[in-house]
Amino acid sequence: MATLIVIGILSSVFIFGLKTGIGCGFSKTGWKAVGVLCLLYFVIALVAGYFMDAIDVTSFMSSPLAAAIHITLALFLLAGGIVTMKKWHAGCDVSNKTFLILVFPCPVCMAALLVSCVALSTVVDLSGIAIGALVGIVFVISILVTTFVMKNLSKITAKLHINFSGTPDTLGAVMVFIGLFYLVAAIMIPAYINASTARSSIPSSFGTPELIVLAGVAALIVFGAALTAAADRSREKASKTE
């Protein structure tokens, strides 16, 4: 059971690294810059592991400050994504600037690393630095793998006989999608934590908070699919007019 818990926590760390990897993959960022980002995130993970016992993560995640951070990041991502798509259709590529919103360390990612360190400390008997190093390694692997896949996505899809090429338009759509996710998270996370705290001692396998989370995730998936389809149609129309 402990092994499964560790795998689950590290899998969530890997998923959080996808945001940075996607931003690097769909932009023109070189591998040297990606390496610097990986080193930066690894150091942040080490710091999170060292200070994990000094911060009350649950109280912070349910506080108005956490919600304000989520909303601010969401607005930046939404604005950056829309600008990226509009400028690309106008013949200007600004992805080498707007992608920074995705890849730079944000309070949400740092909180995710801290939460992961705290969760791992409950199931493994390691020092804080060692736990931080483990989390950092998984996060770095996620960035490197995602960046490689995104940079070679057109080649991969070509082998599968799928016509796809990652453009700044795609990056903009991804930024909008992640921005919406952060916006929904700003509402759901504090509500879920408060609901879990106020829940009675009688165990419940599935309740209203779980339904809210699932509904939000489903809505984001549907919107993301629709947004991607709209971007593809827009590219097709633009190519036909040329």
Protein backbone atom coordinates (compact mmCIF):
# COMPACT_ATOMS: atom_id res chain seq x y z
CA MET A 1 0.00 0.00 0.00
CA ALA A 2 2.83 2.42 0.86
CA THR A 3 4.43 1.71 -2.52
CA LEU A 4 1.18 2.52 -4.31
CA ILE A 5 0.86 5.77 -2.36
CA VAL A 6 4.41 6.79 -3.28
CA ILE A 7 3.73 5.98 -6.96
CA GLY A 8 0.54 8.04 -6.85
CA ILE A 9 2.28 11.05 -5.29
CA LEU A 10 5.19 10.94 -7.74
CA SER A 11 2.72 10.57 -10.62
CA SER A 12 1.00 13.77 -9.52
CA VAL A 13 4.41 15.48 -9.41
CA PHE A 14 5.02 14.29 -12.97
CA ILE A 15 1.68 15.77 -14.07
CA PHE A 16 2.51 19.15 -12.54
CA GLY A 17 5.72 19.21 -14.58
CA LEU A 18 3.74 18.94 -17.80
CA LYS A 19 2.88 22.65 -17.73
CA THR A 20 6.51 23.69 -17.94
CA GLY A 21 7.34 21.00 -20.51
CA ILE A 22 4.45 22.02 -22.75
CA GLY A 23 5.54 25.66 -22.61
CA CYS A 24 9.13 24.77 -23.54
CA GLY A 25 8.08 22.27 -26.20
CA PHE A 26 5.72 24.51 -28.14
CA SER A 27 8.12 27.47 -28.04
CA LYS A 28 11.53 27.94 -29.63
CA THR A 29 13.33 27.46 -26.33
CA GLY A 30 16.72 25.77 -26.66
CA TRP A 31 17.79 22.82 -24.57
CA LYS A 32 20.24 24.97 -22.58
CA ALA A 33 17.38 27.15 -21.33
CA VAL A 34 15.37 24.01 -20.55
CA GLY A 35 18.31 22.70 -18.53
CA VAL A 36 18.49 25.93 -16.53
CA LEU A 37 14.76 25.70 -15.79
CA CYS A 38 15.16 22.08 -14.70
CA LEU A 39 17.99 23.05 -12.34
CA LEU A 40 15.87 25.88 -10.92
CA TYR A 41 12.92 23.59 -10.23
CA PHE A 42 15.20 20.98 -8.67
CA VAL A 43 16.58 23.58 -6.26
CA ILE A 44 13.02 24.69 -5.43
CA ALA A 45 12.10 21.06 -4.67
CA LEU A 46 15.11 20.76 -2.34
CA VAL A 47 14.08 23.94 -0.52
CA ALA A 48 10.48 22.66 -0.29
CA GLY A 49 11.69 19.40 1.23
CA TYR A 50 13.86 21.22 3.75
CA PHE A 51 11.11 23.60 4.93
CA MET A 52 8.11 21.26 4.53
CA ASP A 53 7.55 20.96 8.30
CA ALA A 54 7.53 24.72 8.84
CA ILE A 55 4.53 25.55 6.61
CA ASP A 56 0.86 24.68 7.11
CA VAL A 57 -0.01 23.81 3.52
CA THR A 58 -3.69 23.03 4.18
CA SER A 59 -4.35 26.42 5.77
CA PHE A 60 -2.55 28.19 2.94
CA MET A 61 -4.41 26.34 0.16
CA SER A 62 -7.77 27.24 1.71
CA SER A 63 -6.83 30.87 2.37
CA PRO A 64 -7.93 33.90 0.30
CA LEU A 65 -4.28 34.47 -0.66
CA ALA A 66 -4.10 31.09 -2.44
CA ALA A 67 -7.32 31.84 -4.31
CA ALA A 68 -5.98 35.27 -5.31
CA ILE A 69 -2.76 33.67 -6.61
CA HIS A 70 -4.73 31.12 -8.65
CA ILE A 71 -6.95 33.80 -10.16
CA THR A 72 -3.99 36.07 -10.98
CA LEU A 73 -2.15 33.24 -12.73
CA ALA A 74 -5.31 32.25 -14.55
CA LEU A 75 -5.79 35.79 -15.88
CA PHE A 76 -2.16 35.97 -17.01
CA LEU A 77 -2.47 32.64 -18.81
CA LEU A 78 -5.77 33.55 -20.44
CA ALA A 79 -4.45 36.93 -21.59
CA GLY A 80 -1.17 35.43 -22.80
CA GLY A 81 -2.93 32.66 -24.68
CA ILE A 82 -5.36 35.00 -26.41
CA VAL A 83 -2.58 37.43 -27.37
CA THR A 84 -0.44 34.57 -28.69
CA MET A 85 -3.25 33.29 -30.93
CA LYS A 86 -4.29 36.74 -32.15
CA LYS A 87 -0.74 37.82 -32.96
CA TRP A 88 -0.04 34.54 -34.77
CA HIS A 89 -3.08 34.97 -37.00
CA ALA A 90 -1.93 38.54 -37.65
CA GLY A 91 1.43 37.23 -38.86
CA CYS A 92 3.45 37.87 -35.70
CA ASP A 93 5.01 35.24 -33.45
CA VAL A 94 5.19 36.33 -29.80
CA SER A 95 5.41 32.82 -28.35
CA ASN A 96 9.07 33.38 -27.39
CA LYS A 97 7.78 35.88 -24.82
CA THR A 98 4.37 34.60 -23.76
CA PHE A 99 5.61 31.06 -23.11
CA LEU A 100 7.43 32.43 -20.06
CA ILE A 101 4.06 32.60 -18.28
CA LEU A 102 3.90 28.81 -18.50
CA VAL A 103 7.46 27.85 -17.68
CA PHE A 104 8.60 30.20 -14.93
CA PRO A 105 8.16 28.90 -11.36
CA CYS A 106 4.81 30.05 -10.02
CA PRO A 107 3.37 29.85 -6.48
CA VAL A 108 1.03 27.07 -7.61
CA CYS A 109 3.89 24.84 -8.77
CA MET A 110 5.91 25.60 -5.65
CA ALA A 111 2.90 24.75 -3.48
CA ALA A 112 2.47 21.50 -5.43
CA LEU A 113 6.11 20.57 -4.78
CA LEU A 114 5.71 21.38 -1.10
CA VAL A 115 2.49 19.36 -0.79
CA SER A 116 4.16 16.42 -2.53
CA CYS A 117 7.10 16.54 -0.11
CA VAL A 118 4.76 16.63 2.87
CA ALA A 119 2.71 13.72 1.51
CA LEU A 120 5.81 11.62 0.84
CA SER A 121 7.16 12.26 4.33
CA THR A 122 4.16 10.42 5.77
CA VAL A 123 4.95 7.16 3.94
CA VAL A 124 8.74 7.10 3.51
CA ASP A 125 11.44 7.35 6.16
CA LEU A 126 13.78 9.84 4.53
CA SER A 127 15.18 13.25 5.40
CA GLY A 128 13.54 16.38 4.04
CA ILE A 129 16.40 17.01 1.61
CA ALA A 130 16.21 13.44 0.28
CA ILE A 131 12.44 13.72 -0.22
CA GLY A 132 12.91 17.07 -1.96
CA ALA A 133 15.55 15.55 -4.22
CA LEU A 134 13.22 12.68 -5.15
CA VAL A 135 10.37 15.06 -5.95
CA GLY A 136 12.73 17.33 -7.89
CA ILE A 137 14.09 14.46 -9.99
CA VAL A 138 10.58 13.35 -10.99
CA PHE A 139 9.61 16.96 -11.79
CA VAL A 140 12.72 17.42 -13.94
CA ILE A 141 12.08 14.14 -15.78
CA SER A 142 8.54 15.32 -16.50
CA ILE A 143 9.83 18.60 -17.97
CA LEU A 144 12.45 16.87 -20.14
CA VAL A 145 10.13 14.14 -21.43
CA THR A 146 7.26 16.55 -22.17
CA THR A 147 9.56 19.06 -23.86
CA PHE A 148 11.03 16.34 -26.07
CA VAL A 149 7.60 15.00 -27.02
CA MET A 150 6.17 18.45 -27.77
CA LYS A 151 9.18 19.47 -29.86
CA ASN A 152 8.88 16.28 -31.91
CA LEU A 153 5.09 16.07 -31.91
CA SER A 154 4.77 16.70 -35.65
CA LYS A 155 7.16 13.81 -36.38
CA ILE A 156 5.33 11.52 -33.97
CA THR A 157 1.91 12.33 -35.39
CA ALA A 158 3.22 11.95 -38.95
CA LYS A 159 4.17 8.36 -38.17
CA LEU A 160 0.62 7.83 -36.94
CA HIS A 161 -0.69 9.38 -40.18
CA ILE A 162 -2.11 12.37 -38.30
CA ASN A 163 -1.62 15.85 -39.73
CA PHE A 164 -0.54 18.03 -36.81
CA SER A 165 2.13 20.66 -36.34
CA GLY A 166 2.62 22.50 -33.08
CA THR A 167 2.44 26.23 -33.72
CA PRO A 168 2.17 29.31 -31.49
CA ASP A 169 -1.58 29.01 -32.12
CA THR A 170 -1.50 25.64 -30.36
CA LEU A 171 0.55 27.12 -27.52
CA GLY A 172 -2.03 29.87 -27.10
CA ALA A 173 -4.86 27.34 -26.96
CA VAL A 174 -2.99 25.34 -24.31
CA MET A 175 -2.39 28.50 -22.25
CA VAL A 176 -6.09 29.35 -22.36
CA PHE A 177 -6.99 25.80 -21.33
CA ILE A 178 -4.58 25.80 -18.37
CA GLY A 179 -5.73 29.30 -17.40
CA LEU A 180 -9.31 28.07 -17.21
CA PHE A 181 -8.14 25.12 -15.13
CA TYR A 182 -6.47 27.49 -12.65
CA LEU A 183 -9.61 29.64 -12.58
CA VAL A 184 -11.78 26.65 -11.70
CA ALA A 185 -9.17 25.42 -9.19
CA ALA A 186 -9.32 28.78 -7.39
CA ILE A 187 -12.97 28.01 -6.64
CA MET A 188 -12.86 24.25 -6.14
CA ILE A 189 -9.77 23.75 -3.97
CA PRO A 190 -10.79 25.96 -0.99
CA ALA A 191 -14.35 24.63 -1.20
CA TYR A 192 -13.13 21.03 -1.29
CA ILE A 193 -10.76 21.53 1.66
CA ASN A 194 -13.46 23.24 3.75
CA ALA A 195 -16.00 20.57 2.85
CA SER A 196 -13.55 17.81 3.77
CA THR A 197 -12.80 19.50 7.11
CA ALA A 198 -16.47 19.98 7.94
CA ARG A 199 -17.48 16.49 6.83
CA SER A 200 -18.81 14.27 9.58
CA SER A 201 -16.80 11.42 11.00
CA ILE A 202 -18.99 8.95 9.11
CA PRO A 203 -16.95 7.82 6.08
CA SER A 204 -18.39 8.70 2.70
CA SER A 205 -17.10 7.14 -0.48
CA PHE A 206 -18.54 9.72 -2.83
CA GLY A 207 -20.15 13.07 -2.09
CA THR A 208 -20.83 16.57 -3.36
CA PRO A 209 -17.17 17.76 -3.37
CA GLU A 210 -16.18 14.79 -5.52
CA LEU A 211 -19.04 15.51 -7.91
CA ILE A 212 -17.95 19.14 -8.19
CA VAL A 213 -14.38 18.11 -8.97
CA LEU A 214 -15.45 15.59 -11.59
CA ALA A 215 -17.88 18.03 -13.20
CA GLY A 216 -15.19 20.70 -13.35
CA VAL A 217 -12.65 18.35 -14.90
CA ALA A 218 -15.19 17.10 -17.44
CA ALA A 219 -16.13 20.65 -18.40
CA LEU A 220 -12.47 21.57 -18.87
CA ILE A 221 -11.85 18.52 -21.04
CA VAL A 222 -14.83 19.34 -23.26
CA PHE A 223 -13.82 22.99 -23.55
CA GLY A 224 -10.22 22.06 -24.31
CA ALA A 225 -11.32 19.70 -27.08
CA ALA A 226 -13.62 22.35 -28.57
CA LEU A 227 -10.89 24.98 -28.39
CA THR A 228 -8.39 22.72 -30.11
CA ALA A 229 -10.89 21.88 -32.85
CA ALA A 230 -11.62 25.58 -33.38
CA ALA A 231 -7.90 26.33 -33.62
CA ASP A 232 -7.46 23.57 -36.21
CA ARG A 233 -10.34 24.93 -38.32
CA SER A 234 -8.86 28.42 -38.07
CA ARG A 235 -5.50 27.17 -39.32
CA GLU A 236 -7.15 25.34 -42.20
CA LYS A 237 -9.05 28.45 -43.28
CA ALA A 238 -5.90 30.55 -43.05
CA SER A 239 -3.94 28.09 -45.17
CA LYS A 240 -6.70 28.00 -47.81
CA THR A 241 -6.81 31.78 -48.11
CA GLU A 242 -3.06 31.86 -48.64
